[in-house]
Amino acid sequence: MNGKPLLCYSIEAGLACSAIDRVLVSTDDEEMARISREAGAEVPFLRPAELANDQSPTIDTVVHALRFFEGQGVVFDAVCLLQPTVPFRSAEDLAEAIRKFEASSADSLISVREVPHIYNPHWVYEQDRESGLLRPAIEGKKRVTRRQDLPPAYHRDGSVYLSRTSVILEQHSLYGASTVHHVMSQSPDVNIDTMDDWRAAEQMAQQAIIEKEKNI
């Protein structure tokens, strides 16, 4: 993307954050391993094929990496998962998310964006399968009619997942029983799922370079 492998954006974000001790890439692909090492990440193993298909759960990949390091006598207190499909994370957002997680007693932290008020779950309706009638998605609560009274609502944006190692290994979960959040206020909202997403992200990357050159 914009002349750089997509994977490298996440590697660079991890390397730029002093709160992250080691940056690891888990891959089954030799070329991705080479690119990752050249970008500064560790690739101490190639991921088994059974953990590298379209149905492979992310949690299994993380557990595999932790078990590998356990075998070397290396134990981490937590894991920060940075998915390559979310390339733009500011150092400020990543550092603040880690600070918030460290200051909490929660099992995990996820990065989020605020949901526009028109999509707030208090204003969302579902269709009853039998009657075809609409019903509030959140039932059993007093209906909120004014925008000003809506409680804040957030959606997971996929930028940052922080989980305690004990939760990952003992509960086989990236979330555990308690989750805090960090609102990604300093980073563009980009999650690449389609080619349209790719083109929009590439335009952002190009514009960022132009702005940087202007300020030099």
N, C-alpha and C. Protein backbone atom coordinates (compact mmCIF):
# COMPACT_ATOMS: atom_id res chain seq x y z
N MET A 1 0.84 -1.19 0.00
CA MET A 1 0.00 0.00 0.00
C MET A 1 0.88 1.24 0.00
N ASN A 2 0.72 2.04 -1.04
CA ASN A 2 1.55 3.24 -1.19
C ASN A 2 3.05 2.90 -1.16
N GLY A 3 3.41 1.77 -1.82
CA GLY A 3 4.81 1.39 -1.94
C GLY A 3 5.38 0.63 -0.76
N LYS A 4 4.53 0.27 0.21
CA LYS A 4 5.01 -0.44 1.41
C LYS A 4 4.08 -1.63 1.69
N PRO A 5 4.65 -2.79 2.02
CA PRO A 5 3.78 -3.92 2.39
C PRO A 5 2.85 -3.54 3.53
N LEU A 6 1.59 -3.91 3.42
CA LEU A 6 0.59 -3.55 4.43
C LEU A 6 1.03 -3.99 5.82
N LEU A 7 1.65 -5.15 5.91
CA LEU A 7 2.11 -5.69 7.18
C LEU A 7 3.04 -4.74 7.92
N CYS A 8 3.84 -3.99 7.15
CA CYS A 8 4.88 -3.15 7.75
C CYS A 8 4.31 -2.00 8.57
N TYR A 9 3.12 -1.54 8.24
CA TYR A 9 2.52 -0.43 8.99
C TYR A 9 2.31 -0.84 10.45
N SER A 10 1.81 -2.05 10.67
CA SER A 10 1.57 -2.52 12.04
C SER A 10 2.87 -2.83 12.76
N ILE A 11 3.85 -3.38 12.02
CA ILE A 11 5.15 -3.64 12.63
C ILE A 11 5.78 -2.34 13.11
N GLU A 12 5.74 -1.31 12.29
CA GLU A 12 6.33 -0.02 12.64
C GLU A 12 5.64 0.59 13.86
N ALA A 13 4.31 0.41 13.94
CA ALA A 13 3.57 0.93 15.11
C ALA A 13 4.04 0.24 16.38
N GLY A 14 4.21 -1.07 16.33
CA GLY A 14 4.66 -1.80 17.50
C GLY A 14 6.07 -1.42 17.90
N LEU A 15 6.95 -1.27 16.93
CA LEU A 15 8.34 -0.91 17.22
C LEU A 15 8.45 0.50 17.79
N ALA A 16 7.54 1.38 17.39
CA ALA A 16 7.60 2.77 17.84
C ALA A 16 7.09 2.96 19.25
N CYS A 17 6.45 1.94 19.81
CA CYS A 17 5.86 2.06 21.15
C CYS A 17 6.81 1.47 22.18
N SER A 18 7.33 2.30 23.07
CA SER A 18 8.31 1.85 24.05
C SER A 18 7.71 0.91 25.10
N ALA A 19 6.38 0.89 25.22
CA ALA A 19 5.72 0.01 26.19
C ALA A 19 5.64 -1.43 25.70
N ILE A 20 5.95 -1.66 24.44
CA ILE A 20 5.94 -3.00 23.87
C ILE A 20 7.36 -3.54 23.85
N ASP A 21 7.57 -4.69 24.49
CA ASP A 21 8.92 -5.24 24.63
C ASP A 21 9.44 -5.89 23.35
N ARG A 22 8.58 -6.68 22.71
CA ARG A 22 9.01 -7.41 21.52
C ARG A 22 7.89 -7.43 20.49
N VAL A 23 8.25 -7.33 19.24
CA VAL A 23 7.27 -7.35 18.15
C VAL A 23 7.45 -8.64 17.36
N LEU A 24 6.42 -9.46 17.37
CA LEU A 24 6.45 -10.78 16.74
C LEU A 24 5.43 -10.84 15.61
N VAL A 25 5.81 -11.44 14.50
CA VAL A 25 4.86 -11.72 13.42
C VAL A 25 4.68 -13.23 13.33
N SER A 26 3.43 -13.66 13.38
CA SER A 26 3.09 -15.07 13.20
C SER A 26 2.58 -15.26 11.79
N THR A 27 3.27 -16.06 11.00
CA THR A 27 2.90 -16.30 9.61
C THR A 27 3.32 -17.70 9.19
N ASP A 28 2.64 -18.22 8.19
CA ASP A 28 3.05 -19.51 7.61
C ASP A 28 3.78 -19.31 6.29
N ASP A 29 4.00 -18.05 5.92
CA ASP A 29 4.51 -17.72 4.58
C ASP A 29 5.96 -17.22 4.66
N GLU A 30 6.83 -17.83 3.88
CA GLU A 30 8.25 -17.47 3.90
C GLU A 30 8.48 -16.02 3.46
N GLU A 31 7.73 -15.58 2.45
CA GLU A 31 7.92 -14.20 1.97
C GLU A 31 7.48 -13.19 3.03
N MET A 32 6.35 -13.46 3.68
CA MET A 32 5.90 -12.56 4.75
C MET A 32 6.89 -12.56 5.91
N ALA A 33 7.50 -13.72 6.17
CA ALA A 33 8.51 -13.79 7.23
C ALA A 33 9.72 -12.93 6.87
N ARG A 34 10.14 -13.00 5.61
CA ARG A 34 11.30 -12.19 5.18
C ARG A 34 10.97 -10.70 5.28
N ILE A 35 9.80 -10.30 4.80
CA ILE A 35 9.40 -8.90 4.85
C ILE A 35 9.34 -8.42 6.30
N SER A 36 8.82 -9.26 7.17
CA SER A 36 8.68 -8.89 8.58
C SER A 36 10.04 -8.68 9.23
N ARG A 37 10.97 -9.57 8.96
CA ARG A 37 12.31 -9.43 9.54
C ARG A 37 13.00 -8.18 9.03
N GLU A 38 12.84 -7.91 7.74
CA GLU A 38 13.45 -6.71 7.17
C GLU A 38 12.86 -5.44 7.79
N ALA A 39 11.59 -5.51 8.23
CA ALA A 39 10.94 -4.36 8.84
C ALA A 39 11.28 -4.23 10.32
N GLY A 40 11.97 -5.23 10.87
CA GLY A 40 12.41 -5.14 12.27
C GLY A 40 11.71 -6.04 13.25
N ALA A 41 10.77 -6.87 12.77
CA ALA A 41 10.03 -7.76 13.66
C ALA A 41 10.75 -9.09 13.82
N GLU A 42 10.38 -9.82 14.87
CA GLU A 42 10.88 -11.18 15.07
C GLU A 42 9.94 -12.17 14.38
N VAL A 43 10.51 -13.17 13.75
CA VAL A 43 9.73 -14.29 13.21
C VAL A 43 10.45 -15.56 13.62
N PRO A 44 10.29 -16.00 14.87
CA PRO A 44 11.06 -17.13 15.38
C PRO A 44 10.55 -18.49 14.91
N PHE A 45 9.39 -18.51 14.25
CA PHE A 45 8.82 -19.78 13.77
C PHE A 45 7.88 -19.48 12.61
N LEU A 46 7.55 -20.51 11.85
CA LEU A 46 6.49 -20.42 10.86
C LEU A 46 5.25 -21.10 11.45
N ARG A 47 4.14 -20.44 11.33
CA ARG A 47 2.90 -20.95 11.93
C ARG A 47 2.46 -22.24 11.24
N PRO A 48 2.00 -23.24 12.00
CA PRO A 48 1.52 -24.49 11.40
C PRO A 48 0.37 -24.24 10.44
N ALA A 49 0.28 -25.07 9.41
CA ALA A 49 -0.74 -24.90 8.38
C ALA A 49 -2.15 -24.93 8.95
N GLU A 50 -2.40 -25.74 9.99
CA GLU A 50 -3.74 -25.84 10.55
C GLU A 50 -4.17 -24.57 11.27
N LEU A 51 -3.21 -23.67 11.53
CA LEU A 51 -3.54 -22.39 12.16
C LEU A 51 -3.48 -21.24 11.15
N ALA A 52 -3.45 -21.59 9.88
CA ALA A 52 -3.27 -20.55 8.86
C ALA A 52 -4.26 -20.66 7.71
N ASN A 53 -5.46 -21.16 8.01
CA ASN A 53 -6.49 -21.20 6.96
C ASN A 53 -7.56 -20.16 7.26
N ASP A 54 -8.53 -20.05 6.37
CA ASP A 54 -9.53 -18.99 6.49
C ASP A 54 -10.43 -19.16 7.72
N GLN A 55 -10.47 -20.36 8.28
CA GLN A 55 -11.33 -20.59 9.44
C GLN A 55 -10.54 -20.60 10.76
N SER A 56 -9.24 -20.36 10.71
CA SER A 56 -8.42 -20.43 11.92
C SER A 56 -8.74 -19.27 12.86
N PRO A 57 -9.13 -19.56 14.11
CA PRO A 57 -9.41 -18.49 15.07
C PRO A 57 -8.13 -17.75 15.46
N THR A 58 -8.24 -16.45 15.63
CA THR A 58 -7.09 -15.65 16.03
C THR A 58 -6.53 -16.10 17.37
N ILE A 59 -7.41 -16.47 18.30
CA ILE A 59 -6.96 -16.85 19.63
C ILE A 59 -6.00 -18.04 19.57
N ASP A 60 -6.23 -18.98 18.64
CA ASP A 60 -5.34 -20.14 18.52
C ASP A 60 -3.94 -19.73 18.08
N THR A 61 -3.88 -18.72 17.23
CA THR A 61 -2.59 -18.20 16.78
C THR A 61 -1.82 -17.57 17.94
N VAL A 62 -2.53 -16.81 18.77
CA VAL A 62 -1.89 -16.16 19.91
C VAL A 62 -1.42 -17.20 20.93
N VAL A 63 -2.26 -18.19 21.20
CA VAL A 63 -1.88 -19.25 22.14
C VAL A 63 -0.65 -19.99 21.63
N HIS A 64 -0.61 -20.28 20.34
CA HIS A 64 0.54 -20.98 19.75
C HIS A 64 1.82 -20.18 19.97
N ALA A 65 1.77 -18.87 19.76
CA ALA A 65 2.96 -18.03 19.95
C ALA A 65 3.40 -18.03 21.41
N LEU A 66 2.45 -17.92 22.32
CA LEU A 66 2.80 -17.91 23.75
C LEU A 66 3.40 -19.24 24.19
N ARG A 67 2.83 -20.33 23.69
CA ARG A 67 3.37 -21.65 24.04
C ARG A 67 4.79 -21.82 23.50
N PHE A 68 5.05 -21.26 22.33
CA PHE A 68 6.40 -21.33 21.76
C PHE A 68 7.40 -20.66 22.70
N PHE A 69 7.06 -19.46 23.17
CA PHE A 69 7.98 -18.74 24.06
C PHE A 69 8.07 -19.42 25.43
N GLU A 70 6.96 -19.99 25.89
CA GLU A 70 7.01 -20.74 27.14
C GLU A 70 8.05 -21.85 27.07
N GLY A 71 8.11 -22.51 25.90
CA GLY A 71 9.07 -23.58 25.71
C GLY A 71 10.51 -23.10 25.78
N GLN A 72 10.69 -21.79 25.58
CA GLN A 72 12.02 -21.20 25.69
C GLN A 72 12.25 -20.55 27.05
N GLY A 73 11.28 -20.72 27.95
CA GLY A 73 11.41 -20.13 29.27
C GLY A 73 11.10 -18.65 29.32
N VAL A 74 10.39 -18.14 28.32
CA VAL A 74 10.05 -16.72 28.25
C VAL A 74 8.55 -16.55 28.49
N VAL A 75 8.20 -15.71 29.47
CA VAL A 75 6.80 -15.48 29.81
C VAL A 75 6.51 -13.98 29.76
N PHE A 76 5.42 -13.62 29.14
CA PHE A 76 4.99 -12.22 29.04
C PHE A 76 3.77 -12.00 29.93
N ASP A 77 3.63 -10.77 30.44
CA ASP A 77 2.46 -10.50 31.27
C ASP A 77 1.22 -10.22 30.45
N ALA A 78 1.41 -9.75 29.22
CA ALA A 78 0.25 -9.43 28.38
C ALA A 78 0.65 -9.47 26.91
N VAL A 79 -0.37 -9.51 26.06
CA VAL A 79 -0.18 -9.51 24.61
C VAL A 79 -0.93 -8.33 24.02
N CYS A 80 -0.28 -7.63 23.11
CA CYS A 80 -0.92 -6.56 22.34
C CYS A 80 -1.03 -7.04 20.90
N LEU A 81 -2.25 -7.31 20.46
CA LEU A 81 -2.49 -7.83 19.12
C LEU A 81 -2.75 -6.67 18.16
N LEU A 82 -1.93 -6.56 17.11
CA LEU A 82 -2.06 -5.51 16.10
C LEU A 82 -2.34 -6.17 14.76
N GLN A 83 -3.56 -6.08 14.30
CA GLN A 83 -3.94 -6.74 13.05
C GLN A 83 -3.48 -5.91 11.85
N PRO A 84 -2.87 -6.55 10.85
CA PRO A 84 -2.34 -5.81 9.69
C PRO A 84 -3.39 -5.07 8.88
N THR A 85 -4.65 -5.51 8.96
CA THR A 85 -5.70 -4.86 8.16
C THR A 85 -6.12 -3.51 8.72
N VAL A 86 -5.56 -3.13 9.87
CA VAL A 86 -5.79 -1.78 10.43
C VAL A 86 -4.43 -1.09 10.47
N PRO A 87 -4.04 -0.41 9.40
CA PRO A 87 -2.66 0.05 9.27
C PRO A 87 -2.30 1.33 10.02
N PHE A 88 -3.28 2.17 10.32
CA PHE A 88 -2.96 3.50 10.84
C PHE A 88 -3.27 3.61 12.34
N ARG A 89 -2.25 3.43 13.15
CA ARG A 89 -2.37 3.62 14.59
C ARG A 89 -1.35 4.67 15.00
N SER A 90 -1.77 5.73 15.61
CA SER A 90 -0.80 6.72 16.06
C SER A 90 -0.07 6.20 17.29
N ALA A 91 1.16 6.65 17.48
CA ALA A 91 1.92 6.26 18.66
C ALA A 91 1.21 6.73 19.92
N GLU A 92 0.54 7.88 19.84
CA GLU A 92 -0.17 8.42 21.00
C GLU A 92 -1.32 7.50 21.41
N ASP A 93 -2.10 7.03 20.43
CA ASP A 93 -3.23 6.16 20.74
C ASP A 93 -2.76 4.83 21.32
N LEU A 94 -1.73 4.25 20.71
CA LEU A 94 -1.24 2.96 21.18
C LEU A 94 -0.67 3.05 22.59
N ALA A 95 0.12 4.08 22.84
CA ALA A 95 0.71 4.26 24.17
C ALA A 95 -0.37 4.52 25.22
N GLU A 96 -1.36 5.33 24.87
CA GLU A 96 -2.43 5.63 25.83
C GLU A 96 -3.27 4.39 26.12
N ALA A 97 -3.52 3.57 25.12
CA ALA A 97 -4.27 2.33 25.33
C ALA A 97 -3.52 1.42 26.30
N ILE A 98 -2.22 1.31 26.13
CA ILE A 98 -1.42 0.46 27.02
C ILE A 98 -1.40 1.03 28.44
N ARG A 99 -1.25 2.35 28.55
CA ARG A 99 -1.27 2.98 29.88
C ARG A 99 -2.60 2.72 30.60
N LYS A 100 -3.68 2.85 29.86
CA LYS A 100 -4.99 2.63 30.46
C LYS A 100 -5.15 1.18 30.89
N PHE A 101 -4.68 0.26 30.09
CA PHE A 101 -4.78 -1.16 30.42
C PHE A 101 -3.95 -1.48 31.66
N GLU A 102 -2.72 -0.96 31.71
CA GLU A 102 -1.84 -1.23 32.84
C GLU A 102 -2.42 -0.66 34.15
N ALA A 103 -3.13 0.45 34.03
CA ALA A 103 -3.69 1.08 35.23
C ALA A 103 -4.97 0.42 35.70
N SER A 104 -5.51 -0.48 34.89
CA SER A 104 -6.76 -1.15 35.24
C SER A 104 -6.48 -2.53 35.81
N SER A 105 -7.53 -3.12 36.34
CA SER A 105 -7.44 -4.52 36.77
C SER A 105 -8.21 -5.42 35.82
N ALA A 106 -8.56 -4.88 34.65
CA ALA A 106 -9.37 -5.62 33.68
C ALA A 106 -8.56 -6.73 33.03
N ASP A 107 -9.27 -7.71 32.50
CA ASP A 107 -8.62 -8.81 31.78
C ASP A 107 -8.13 -8.38 30.42
N SER A 108 -8.81 -7.37 29.83
CA SER A 108 -8.48 -7.00 28.46
C SER A 108 -8.87 -5.55 28.18
N LEU A 109 -8.36 -5.06 27.07
CA LEU A 109 -8.74 -3.73 26.55
C LEU A 109 -8.91 -3.86 25.05
N ILE A 110 -9.92 -3.19 24.52
CA ILE A 110 -10.09 -3.11 23.07
C ILE A 110 -10.19 -1.65 22.66
N SER A 111 -9.74 -1.37 21.45
CA SER A 111 -9.88 -0.02 20.90
C SER A 111 -11.26 0.11 20.26
N VAL A 112 -11.85 1.29 20.39
CA VAL A 112 -13.21 1.49 19.91
C VAL A 112 -13.35 2.85 19.23
N ARG A 113 -14.48 3.01 18.55
CA ARG A 113 -14.94 4.29 18.00
C ARG A 113 -16.36 4.52 18.49
N GLU A 114 -16.71 5.78 18.67
CA GLU A 114 -18.07 6.07 19.13
C GLU A 114 -19.07 5.85 18.00
N VAL A 115 -20.18 5.23 18.31
CA VAL A 115 -21.24 4.97 17.34
C VAL A 115 -22.04 6.26 17.12
N PRO A 116 -22.26 6.67 15.86
CA PRO A 116 -23.11 7.85 15.62
C PRO A 116 -24.48 7.66 16.27
N HIS A 117 -25.06 8.76 16.74
CA HIS A 117 -26.29 8.65 17.53
C HIS A 117 -27.41 7.94 16.77
N ILE A 118 -27.44 8.07 15.44
CA ILE A 118 -28.54 7.44 14.69
C ILE A 118 -28.43 5.92 14.71
N TYR A 119 -27.25 5.39 15.05
CA TYR A 119 -27.08 3.94 15.14
C TYR A 119 -26.95 3.48 16.59
N ASN A 120 -27.19 4.35 17.53
CA ASN A 120 -27.14 3.97 18.93
C ASN A 120 -28.10 2.80 19.18
N PRO A 121 -27.69 1.78 19.93
CA PRO A 121 -28.56 0.61 20.12
C PRO A 121 -29.92 0.94 20.72
N HIS A 122 -30.04 2.07 21.42
CA HIS A 122 -31.33 2.46 21.97
C HIS A 122 -32.29 2.91 20.86
N TRP A 123 -31.75 3.21 19.69
CA TRP A 123 -32.58 3.61 18.56
C TRP A 123 -32.62 2.55 17.46
N VAL A 124 -32.10 1.38 17.74
CA VAL A 124 -32.07 0.29 16.76
C VAL A 124 -33.25 -0.64 17.01
N TYR A 125 -33.88 -1.11 15.92
CA TYR A 125 -35.02 -2.01 16.01
C TYR A 125 -34.70 -3.32 15.28
N GLU A 126 -35.33 -4.39 15.76
CA GLU A 126 -35.25 -5.69 15.12
C GLU A 126 -36.64 -6.12 14.67
N GLN A 127 -36.67 -6.95 13.63
CA GLN A 127 -37.97 -7.45 13.16
C GLN A 127 -38.25 -8.80 13.81
N ASP A 128 -39.42 -8.92 14.42
CA ASP A 128 -39.83 -10.19 15.01
C ASP A 128 -40.07 -11.20 13.88
N ARG A 129 -39.47 -12.38 14.02
CA ARG A 129 -39.56 -13.37 12.94
C ARG A 129 -40.98 -13.88 12.73
N GLU A 130 -41.73 -14.00 13.78
CA GLU A 130 -43.07 -14.56 13.66
C GLU A 130 -44.10 -13.53 13.23
N SER A 131 -44.10 -12.38 13.90
CA SER A 131 -45.14 -11.38 13.62
C SER A 131 -44.74 -10.40 12.52
N GLY A 132 -43.44 -10.25 12.29
CA GLY A 132 -42.98 -9.27 11.31
C GLY A 132 -42.96 -7.86 11.84
N LEU A 133 -43.38 -7.67 13.09
CA LEU A 133 -43.40 -6.35 13.70
C LEU A 133 -42.02 -5.96 14.21
N LEU A 134 -41.80 -4.65 14.30
CA LEU A 134 -40.54 -4.15 14.83
C LEU A 134 -40.57 -4.13 16.35
N ARG A 135 -39.42 -4.39 16.95
CA ARG A 135 -39.28 -4.30 18.40
C ARG A 135 -37.93 -3.70 18.71
N PRO A 136 -37.81 -2.97 19.82
CA PRO A 136 -36.52 -2.37 20.17
C PRO A 136 -35.45 -3.45 20.35
N ALA A 137 -34.25 -3.17 19.85
CA ALA A 137 -33.15 -4.11 20.04
C ALA A 137 -32.80 -4.26 21.50
N ILE A 138 -32.95 -3.17 22.26
CA ILE A 138 -32.75 -3.21 23.71
C ILE A 138 -34.12 -3.15 24.37
N GLU A 139 -34.54 -4.26 24.90
CA GLU A 139 -35.86 -4.34 25.51
C GLU A 139 -35.74 -4.25 27.03
N GLY A 140 -36.85 -3.92 27.67
CA GLY A 140 -36.88 -3.90 29.12
C GLY A 140 -36.39 -2.60 29.73
N LYS A 141 -36.06 -1.62 28.88
CA LYS A 141 -35.62 -0.33 29.40
C LYS A 141 -36.52 0.77 28.85
N LYS A 142 -36.57 1.87 29.59
CA LYS A 142 -37.36 3.01 29.14
C LYS A 142 -36.80 3.54 27.83
N ARG A 143 -37.69 3.77 26.87
CA ARG A 143 -37.27 4.20 25.55
C ARG A 143 -36.69 5.62 25.59
N VAL A 144 -35.52 5.79 24.99
CA VAL A 144 -34.87 7.10 24.92
C VAL A 144 -35.36 7.80 23.67
N THR A 145 -35.94 8.97 23.82
CA THR A 145 -36.51 9.68 22.67
C THR A 145 -35.67 10.86 22.22
N ARG A 146 -34.85 11.42 23.13
CA ARG A 146 -34.05 12.59 22.78
C ARG A 146 -32.59 12.19 22.56
N ARG A 147 -32.00 12.76 21.51
CA ARG A 147 -30.59 12.46 21.21
C ARG A 147 -29.71 12.82 22.40
N GLN A 148 -30.02 13.92 23.06
CA GLN A 148 -29.19 14.37 24.17
C GLN A 148 -29.17 13.39 25.34
N ASP A 149 -30.15 12.51 25.40
CA ASP A 149 -30.25 11.57 26.52
C ASP A 149 -29.64 10.19 26.20
N LEU A 150 -29.19 10.01 24.97
CA LEU A 150 -28.62 8.72 24.60
C LEU A 150 -27.30 8.48 25.34
N PRO A 151 -27.08 7.32 25.91
CA PRO A 151 -25.78 7.01 26.53
C PRO A 151 -24.75 6.77 25.43
N PRO A 152 -23.47 7.04 25.69
CA PRO A 152 -22.45 6.77 24.69
C PRO A 152 -22.43 5.28 24.32
N ALA A 153 -22.26 5.01 23.05
CA ALA A 153 -22.15 3.62 22.57
C ALA A 153 -20.92 3.53 21.66
N TYR A 154 -20.28 2.38 21.67
CA TYR A 154 -19.03 2.24 20.93
C TYR A 154 -19.04 0.96 20.10
N HIS A 155 -18.26 0.98 19.02
CA HIS A 155 -18.05 -0.25 18.27
C HIS A 155 -16.56 -0.57 18.22
N ARG A 156 -16.23 -1.82 18.25
CA ARG A 156 -14.85 -2.28 18.19
C ARG A 156 -14.29 -1.93 16.82
N ASP A 157 -13.10 -1.32 16.78
CA ASP A 157 -12.55 -0.93 15.48
C ASP A 157 -11.40 -1.82 15.01
N GLY A 158 -10.94 -2.74 15.85
CA GLY A 158 -9.93 -3.70 15.42
C GLY A 158 -8.50 -3.23 15.48
N SER A 159 -8.27 -2.00 15.97
CA SER A 159 -6.91 -1.46 15.98
C SER A 159 -6.02 -2.11 17.02
N VAL A 160 -6.54 -2.25 18.23
CA VAL A 160 -5.73 -2.71 19.36
C VAL A 160 -6.53 -3.70 20.20
N TYR A 161 -5.91 -4.83 20.50
CA TYR A 161 -6.44 -5.78 21.47
C TYR A 161 -5.34 -6.03 22.49
N LEU A 162 -5.63 -5.78 23.75
CA LEU A 162 -4.68 -6.05 24.83
C LEU A 162 -5.29 -7.09 25.75
N SER A 163 -4.54 -8.14 26.03
CA SER A 163 -5.07 -9.22 26.87
C SER A 163 -3.98 -9.74 27.79
N ARG A 164 -4.36 -10.05 29.02
CA ARG A 164 -3.41 -10.64 29.95
C ARG A 164 -3.10 -12.08 29.53
N THR A 165 -1.83 -12.45 29.61
CA THR A 165 -1.41 -13.78 29.18
C THR A 165 -2.16 -14.87 29.92
N SER A 166 -2.37 -14.69 31.21
CA SER A 166 -3.07 -15.70 32.00
C SER A 166 -4.48 -15.94 31.47
N VAL A 167 -5.15 -14.86 31.03
CA VAL A 167 -6.51 -14.99 30.49
C VAL A 167 -6.49 -15.75 29.17
N ILE A 168 -5.52 -15.43 28.34
CA ILE A 168 -5.42 -16.09 27.03
C ILE A 168 -5.21 -17.59 27.20
N LEU A 169 -4.29 -17.97 28.07
CA LEU A 169 -3.94 -19.38 28.23
C LEU A 169 -4.94 -20.16 29.08
N GLU A 170 -5.46 -19.55 30.12
CA GLU A 170 -6.35 -20.28 31.02
C GLU A 170 -7.80 -20.28 30.56
N GLN A 171 -8.22 -19.17 29.91
CA GLN A 171 -9.62 -19.06 29.48
C GLN A 171 -9.78 -19.20 27.97
N HIS A 172 -8.66 -19.31 27.27
CA HIS A 172 -8.67 -19.40 25.80
C HIS A 172 -9.52 -18.27 25.21
N SER A 173 -9.21 -17.05 25.65
CA SER A 173 -10.01 -15.89 25.28
C SER A 173 -9.12 -14.65 25.19
N LEU A 174 -9.48 -13.75 24.28
CA LEU A 174 -8.81 -12.45 24.18
C LEU A 174 -9.51 -11.42 25.06
N TYR A 175 -10.62 -11.78 25.69
CA TYR A 175 -11.43 -10.81 26.42
C TYR A 175 -11.50 -11.10 27.92
N GLY A 176 -11.69 -12.34 28.31
CA GLY A 176 -11.85 -12.65 29.72
C GLY A 176 -13.18 -12.16 30.23
N ALA A 177 -13.24 -11.90 31.54
CA ALA A 177 -14.50 -11.52 32.17
C ALA A 177 -14.71 -10.01 32.21
N SER A 178 -13.64 -9.23 32.04
CA SER A 178 -13.77 -7.77 32.16
C SER A 178 -12.94 -7.08 31.09
N THR A 179 -13.54 -6.11 30.44
CA THR A 179 -12.89 -5.41 29.33
C THR A 179 -13.04 -3.90 29.50
N VAL A 180 -11.94 -3.18 29.38
CA VAL A 180 -11.98 -1.71 29.31
C VAL A 180 -11.75 -1.30 27.87
N HIS A 181 -11.89 0.00 27.60
CA HIS A 181 -11.78 0.44 26.21
C HIS A 181 -10.92 1.69 26.10
N HIS A 182 -10.44 1.92 24.89
CA HIS A 182 -9.76 3.17 24.56
C HIS A 182 -10.35 3.68 23.26
N VAL A 183 -10.80 4.93 23.27
CA VAL A 183 -11.35 5.55 22.06
C VAL A 183 -10.19 6.05 21.21
N MET A 184 -10.13 5.58 19.97
CA MET A 184 -9.01 5.92 19.08
C MET A 184 -9.22 7.32 18.49
N SER A 185 -8.88 8.32 19.25
CA SER A 185 -9.16 9.70 18.84
C SER A 185 -8.05 10.31 17.98
N GLN A 186 -6.86 9.70 17.99
CA GLN A 186 -5.72 10.27 17.28
C GLN A 186 -5.37 9.52 16.00
N SER A 187 -6.15 8.50 15.64
CA SER A 187 -5.83 7.66 14.49
C SER A 187 -6.99 7.63 13.51
N PRO A 188 -6.69 7.63 12.19
CA PRO A 188 -7.75 7.52 11.19
C PRO A 188 -8.52 6.22 11.34
N ASP A 189 -9.79 6.25 11.03
CA ASP A 189 -10.64 5.06 11.14
C ASP A 189 -10.57 4.27 9.84
N VAL A 190 -9.67 3.30 9.78
CA VAL A 190 -9.46 2.52 8.57
C VAL A 190 -9.36 1.05 8.94
N ASN A 191 -10.22 0.23 8.36
CA ASN A 191 -10.15 -1.22 8.52
C ASN A 191 -10.34 -1.83 7.14
N ILE A 192 -9.32 -2.45 6.62
CA ILE A 192 -9.31 -2.87 5.21
C ILE A 192 -9.94 -4.25 5.06
N ASP A 193 -11.13 -4.29 4.47
CA ASP A 193 -11.82 -5.54 4.16
C ASP A 193 -12.05 -5.71 2.66
N THR A 194 -12.10 -4.59 1.92
CA THR A 194 -12.40 -4.63 0.49
C THR A 194 -11.38 -3.79 -0.27
N MET A 195 -11.42 -3.89 -1.58
CA MET A 195 -10.51 -3.08 -2.41
C MET A 195 -10.85 -1.60 -2.31
N ASP A 196 -12.11 -1.27 -2.09
CA ASP A 196 -12.48 0.14 -1.88
C ASP A 196 -11.83 0.66 -0.60
N ASP A 197 -11.82 -0.17 0.45
CA ASP A 197 -11.14 0.21 1.69
C ASP A 197 -9.65 0.43 1.43
N TRP A 198 -9.07 -0.46 0.62
CA TRP A 198 -7.64 -0.35 0.29
C TRP A 198 -7.35 0.98 -0.40
N ARG A 199 -8.16 1.31 -1.41
CA ARG A 199 -7.92 2.55 -2.16
C ARG A 199 -8.07 3.77 -1.27
N ALA A 200 -9.06 3.75 -0.38
CA ALA A 200 -9.25 4.88 0.53
C ALA A 200 -8.06 5.01 1.48
N ALA A 201 -7.56 3.88 1.98
CA ALA A 201 -6.40 3.90 2.88
C ALA A 201 -5.16 4.39 2.16
N GLU A 202 -5.00 3.98 0.91
CA GLU A 202 -3.83 4.41 0.15
C GLU A 202 -3.85 5.92 -0.08
N GLN A 203 -5.03 6.47 -0.33
CA GLN A 203 -5.15 7.92 -0.49
C GLN A 203 -4.79 8.63 0.81
N MET A 204 -5.20 8.06 1.95
CA MET A 204 -4.84 8.65 3.24
C MET A 204 -3.33 8.64 3.44
N ALA A 205 -2.69 7.52 3.10
CA ALA A 205 -1.25 7.40 3.25
C ALA A 205 -0.52 8.42 2.37
N GLN A 206 -1.00 8.58 1.14
CA GLN A 206 -0.38 9.55 0.23
C GLN A 206 -0.56 10.97 0.73
N GLN A 207 -1.76 11.27 1.26
CA GLN A 207 -2.02 12.60 1.78
C GLN A 207 -1.16 12.89 3.00
N ALA A 208 -0.93 11.86 3.83
CA ALA A 208 -0.10 12.04 5.02
C ALA A 208 1.33 12.39 4.62
N ILE A 209 1.83 11.78 3.55
CA ILE A 209 3.18 12.07 3.06
C ILE A 209 3.25 13.51 2.56
N ILE A 210 2.21 13.93 1.83
CA ILE A 210 2.17 15.30 1.30
C ILE A 210 2.19 16.31 2.45
N GLU A 211 1.36 16.06 3.48
CA GLU A 211 1.31 16.97 4.62
C GLU A 211 2.64 17.01 5.36
N LYS A 212 3.28 15.86 5.48
CA LYS A 212 4.57 15.81 6.17
C LYS A 212 5.62 16.60 5.42
N GLU A 213 5.63 16.50 4.09
CA GLU A 213 6.59 17.24 3.28
C GLU A 213 6.35 18.75 3.37
N LYS A 214 5.08 19.14 3.49
CA LYS A 214 4.76 20.56 3.62
C LYS A 214 5.33 21.14 4.90
N ASN A 215 5.37 20.31 5.94
CA ASN A 215 5.80 20.79 7.27
C ASN A 215 7.31 20.73 7.48
N ILE A 216 8.02 20.13 6.51
CA ILE A 216 9.48 20.07 6.63
C ILE A 216 10.11 21.41 6.31
